[in-house]
Amino acid sequence: MLKILIILLLIGVILSLSSGLVFLFKDTETPDSKRTLYALGLRITFASLLLITIAYGFYSGELRMGVNAPWHAAQAAGE
């Protein structure tokens, strides 16, 4: 469940980043438009939630790093 949440938050960061770029180019004629600013705020929120979720995953032990990674198990089986 945690890995799905991390993937969804990462997709949210990428979508808000790309929408901010689109709004930046579209709103050049309207200087008082705040769509780019809102997209930036949304991206910062998604990125913060992503970092908190990853930190929680490491703290709870659901996410692991190092010799417990899945690619290390395939390498150890080959030896």
N, C-alpha and C. Protein backbone atom coordinates (compact mmCIF):
# COMPACT_ATOMS: atom_id res chain seq x y z
N MET A 1 0.83 -1.20 0.00
CA MET A 1 0.00 0.00 0.00
C MET A 1 0.87 1.27 0.00
N LEU A 2 1.96 1.22 0.76
CA LEU A 2 2.83 2.38 0.86
C LEU A 2 3.53 2.67 -0.47
N LYS A 3 3.93 1.62 -1.18
CA LYS A 3 4.60 1.82 -2.46
C LYS A 3 3.66 2.41 -3.50
N ILE A 4 2.39 2.04 -3.45
CA ILE A 4 1.40 2.62 -4.36
C ILE A 4 1.21 4.10 -4.06
N LEU A 5 1.18 4.45 -2.78
CA LEU A 5 1.05 5.85 -2.38
C LEU A 5 2.25 6.67 -2.85
N ILE A 6 3.44 6.10 -2.75
CA ILE A 6 4.65 6.78 -3.21
C ILE A 6 4.60 7.01 -4.72
N ILE A 7 4.16 6.01 -5.46
CA ILE A 7 4.06 6.16 -6.92
C ILE A 7 3.03 7.22 -7.28
N LEU A 8 1.89 7.23 -6.60
CA LEU A 8 0.85 8.23 -6.88
C LEU A 8 1.34 9.64 -6.56
N LEU A 9 2.07 9.80 -5.46
CA LEU A 9 2.60 11.12 -5.13
C LEU A 9 3.66 11.56 -6.14
N LEU A 10 4.47 10.63 -6.61
CA LEU A 10 5.46 10.97 -7.63
C LEU A 10 4.79 11.39 -8.93
N ILE A 11 3.74 10.70 -9.31
CA ILE A 11 2.98 11.10 -10.50
C ILE A 11 2.36 12.47 -10.30
N GLY A 12 1.86 12.75 -9.09
CA GLY A 12 1.30 14.07 -8.79
C GLY A 12 2.34 15.18 -8.91
N VAL A 13 3.57 14.91 -8.45
CA VAL A 13 4.65 15.89 -8.58
C VAL A 13 4.94 16.18 -10.05
N ILE A 14 5.03 15.12 -10.84
CA ILE A 14 5.35 15.29 -12.26
C ILE A 14 4.23 16.02 -12.99
N LEU A 15 2.97 15.68 -12.69
CA LEU A 15 1.84 16.35 -13.34
C LEU A 15 1.76 17.83 -12.95
N SER A 16 1.97 18.14 -11.68
CA SER A 16 1.90 19.55 -11.27
C SER A 16 3.08 20.34 -11.84
N LEU A 17 4.24 19.70 -11.99
CA LEU A 17 5.38 20.37 -12.60
C LEU A 17 5.10 20.67 -14.07
N SER A 18 4.54 19.71 -14.78
CA SER A 18 4.25 19.95 -16.20
C SER A 18 3.10 20.94 -16.38
N SER A 19 2.11 20.90 -15.50
CA SER A 19 1.03 21.88 -15.62
C SER A 19 1.53 23.29 -15.31
N GLY A 20 2.47 23.42 -14.38
CA GLY A 20 3.06 24.72 -14.11
C GLY A 20 3.80 25.27 -15.32
N LEU A 21 4.49 24.38 -16.05
CA LEU A 21 5.18 24.81 -17.26
C LEU A 21 4.19 25.27 -18.33
N VAL A 22 3.10 24.53 -18.49
CA VAL A 22 2.07 24.91 -19.46
C VAL A 22 1.44 26.24 -19.08
N PHE A 23 1.14 26.42 -17.79
CA PHE A 23 0.54 27.69 -17.36
C PHE A 23 1.52 28.84 -17.52
N LEU A 24 2.80 28.58 -17.34
CA LEU A 24 3.80 29.63 -17.50
C LEU A 24 3.82 30.15 -18.94
N PHE A 25 3.71 29.24 -19.90
CA PHE A 25 3.71 29.67 -21.30
C PHE A 25 2.36 30.25 -21.73
N LYS A 26 1.26 29.72 -21.22
CA LYS A 26 -0.06 30.20 -21.65
C LYS A 26 -0.41 31.56 -21.05
N ASP A 27 0.05 31.83 -19.86
CA ASP A 27 -0.35 33.04 -19.15
C ASP A 27 0.63 34.19 -19.32
N THR A 28 1.34 34.24 -20.43
CA THR A 28 2.29 35.34 -20.62
C THR A 28 1.58 36.66 -20.89
N GLU A 29 0.38 36.60 -21.48
CA GLU A 29 -0.37 37.83 -21.76
C GLU A 29 -1.12 38.36 -20.54
N THR A 30 -1.40 37.50 -19.59
CA THR A 30 -2.13 37.93 -18.39
C THR A 30 -1.18 37.92 -17.20
N PRO A 31 -0.61 39.07 -16.86
CA PRO A 31 0.41 39.09 -15.79
C PRO A 31 -0.16 38.85 -14.39
N ASP A 32 -1.47 39.03 -14.20
CA ASP A 32 -2.03 38.83 -12.87
C ASP A 32 -2.60 37.43 -12.67
N SER A 33 -2.28 36.50 -13.55
CA SER A 33 -2.74 35.12 -13.39
C SER A 33 -1.87 34.40 -12.36
N LYS A 34 -2.50 33.65 -11.49
CA LYS A 34 -1.78 32.97 -10.42
C LYS A 34 -1.76 31.45 -10.60
N ARG A 35 -2.08 30.97 -11.81
CA ARG A 35 -2.12 29.52 -12.02
C ARG A 35 -0.75 28.89 -11.88
N THR A 36 0.30 29.56 -12.32
CA THR A 36 1.65 29.02 -12.18
C THR A 36 2.04 28.94 -10.71
N LEU A 37 1.68 29.95 -9.95
CA LEU A 37 1.98 29.96 -8.52
C LEU A 37 1.24 28.83 -7.80
N TYR A 38 -0.01 28.60 -8.15
CA TYR A 38 -0.78 27.52 -7.54
C TYR A 38 -0.21 26.15 -7.91
N ALA A 39 0.24 26.00 -9.14
CA ALA A 39 0.86 24.74 -9.56
C ALA A 39 2.16 24.50 -8.79
N LEU A 40 2.93 25.56 -8.55
CA LEU A 40 4.14 25.44 -7.76
C LEU A 40 3.82 25.04 -6.32
N GLY A 41 2.81 25.66 -5.75
CA GLY A 41 2.40 25.30 -4.38
C GLY A 41 1.93 23.86 -4.28
N LEU A 42 1.22 23.42 -5.29
CA LEU A 42 0.76 22.03 -5.31
C LEU A 42 1.94 21.07 -5.45
N ARG A 43 2.92 21.44 -6.25
CA ARG A 43 4.11 20.59 -6.41
C ARG A 43 4.90 20.51 -5.12
N ILE A 44 5.03 21.62 -4.42
CA ILE A 44 5.73 21.61 -3.14
C ILE A 44 4.99 20.75 -2.12
N THR A 45 3.67 20.81 -2.14
CA THR A 45 2.88 19.97 -1.24
C THR A 45 3.06 18.50 -1.55
N PHE A 46 2.98 18.13 -2.84
CA PHE A 46 3.18 16.74 -3.22
C PHE A 46 4.59 16.26 -2.86
N ALA A 47 5.59 17.10 -3.11
CA ALA A 47 6.97 16.70 -2.81
C ALA A 47 7.19 16.53 -1.31
N SER A 48 6.58 17.40 -0.51
CA SER A 48 6.69 17.27 0.94
C SER A 48 6.02 15.99 1.43
N LEU A 49 4.84 15.72 0.92
CA LEU A 49 4.14 14.49 1.29
C LEU A 49 4.92 13.26 0.85
N LEU A 50 5.57 13.35 -0.31
CA LEU A 50 6.38 12.24 -0.81
C LEU A 50 7.56 11.98 0.12
N LEU A 51 8.25 13.02 0.53
CA LEU A 51 9.38 12.85 1.44
C LEU A 51 8.94 12.31 2.80
N ILE A 52 7.82 12.79 3.30
CA ILE A 52 7.31 12.30 4.58
C ILE A 52 6.92 10.82 4.47
N THR A 53 6.30 10.45 3.36
CA THR A 53 5.90 9.06 3.16
C THR A 53 7.11 8.14 3.06
N ILE A 54 8.14 8.57 2.34
CA ILE A 54 9.36 7.75 2.23
C ILE A 54 10.05 7.63 3.59
N ALA A 55 10.11 8.72 4.34
CA ALA A 55 10.72 8.67 5.67
C ALA A 55 9.94 7.73 6.59
N TYR A 56 8.61 7.78 6.52
CA TYR A 56 7.79 6.87 7.31
C TYR A 56 8.03 5.41 6.90
N GLY A 57 8.18 5.18 5.60
CA GLY A 57 8.43 3.82 5.13
C GLY A 57 9.74 3.26 5.66
N PHE A 58 10.78 4.08 5.69
CA PHE A 58 12.05 3.63 6.24
C PHE A 58 11.96 3.46 7.76
N TYR A 59 11.25 4.36 8.42
CA TYR A 59 11.11 4.28 9.87
C TYR A 59 10.33 3.04 10.29
N SER A 60 9.28 2.73 9.56
CA SER A 60 8.45 1.58 9.92
C SER A 60 9.04 0.25 9.45
N GLY A 61 10.03 0.30 8.56
CA GLY A 61 10.65 -0.92 8.07
C GLY A 61 9.99 -1.49 6.83
N GLU A 62 8.97 -0.82 6.33
CA GLU A 62 8.30 -1.29 5.12
C GLU A 62 9.13 -1.07 3.87
N LEU A 63 9.95 -0.02 3.88
CA LEU A 63 10.90 0.24 2.80
C LEU A 63 12.29 -0.09 3.33
N ARG A 64 13.07 -0.78 2.52
CA ARG A 64 14.41 -1.16 2.94
C ARG A 64 15.42 -0.74 1.89
N MET A 65 16.66 -0.60 2.35
CA MET A 65 17.72 -0.21 1.46
C MET A 65 18.95 -1.04 1.80
N GLY A 66 19.82 -1.22 0.84
CA GLY A 66 21.05 -1.95 1.11
C GLY A 66 20.95 -3.39 0.66
N VAL A 67 21.41 -4.31 1.50
CA VAL A 67 21.47 -5.72 1.12
C VAL A 67 20.08 -6.37 1.09
N ASN A 68 19.07 -5.69 1.59
CA ASN A 68 17.71 -6.23 1.58
C ASN A 68 16.94 -5.86 0.33
N ALA A 69 17.56 -5.15 -0.59
CA ALA A 69 16.88 -4.73 -1.81
C ALA A 69 16.60 -5.95 -2.69
N PRO A 70 15.55 -5.92 -3.49
CA PRO A 70 15.17 -7.09 -4.30
C PRO A 70 16.24 -7.52 -5.28
N TRP A 71 17.02 -6.59 -5.84
CA TRP A 71 18.03 -6.99 -6.81
C TRP A 71 19.21 -7.69 -6.15
N HIS A 72 19.40 -7.50 -4.84
CA HIS A 72 20.45 -8.22 -4.14
C HIS A 72 20.09 -9.68 -3.94
N ALA A 73 18.80 -9.97 -3.79
CA ALA A 73 18.36 -11.36 -3.61
C ALA A 73 18.60 -12.15 -4.90
N ALA A 74 18.39 -11.56 -6.05
CA ALA A 74 18.63 -12.25 -7.32
C ALA A 74 20.12 -12.47 -7.51
N GLN A 75 20.94 -11.57 -7.06
CA GLN A 75 22.38 -11.70 -7.20
C GLN A 75 22.90 -12.77 -6.25
N ALA A 76 22.35 -12.87 -5.04
CA ALA A 76 22.79 -13.88 -4.08
C ALA A 76 22.37 -15.27 -4.52
N ALA A 77 21.23 -15.40 -5.20
CA ALA A 77 20.76 -16.70 -5.68
C ALA A 77 21.64 -17.22 -6.80
N GLY A 78 22.28 -16.31 -7.55
CA GLY A 78 23.13 -16.71 -8.66
C GLY A 78 24.49 -17.18 -8.21
N GLU A 79 24.89 -16.88 -6.97
CA GLU A 79 26.21 -17.27 -6.48
C GLU A 79 26.25 -18.67 -5.97
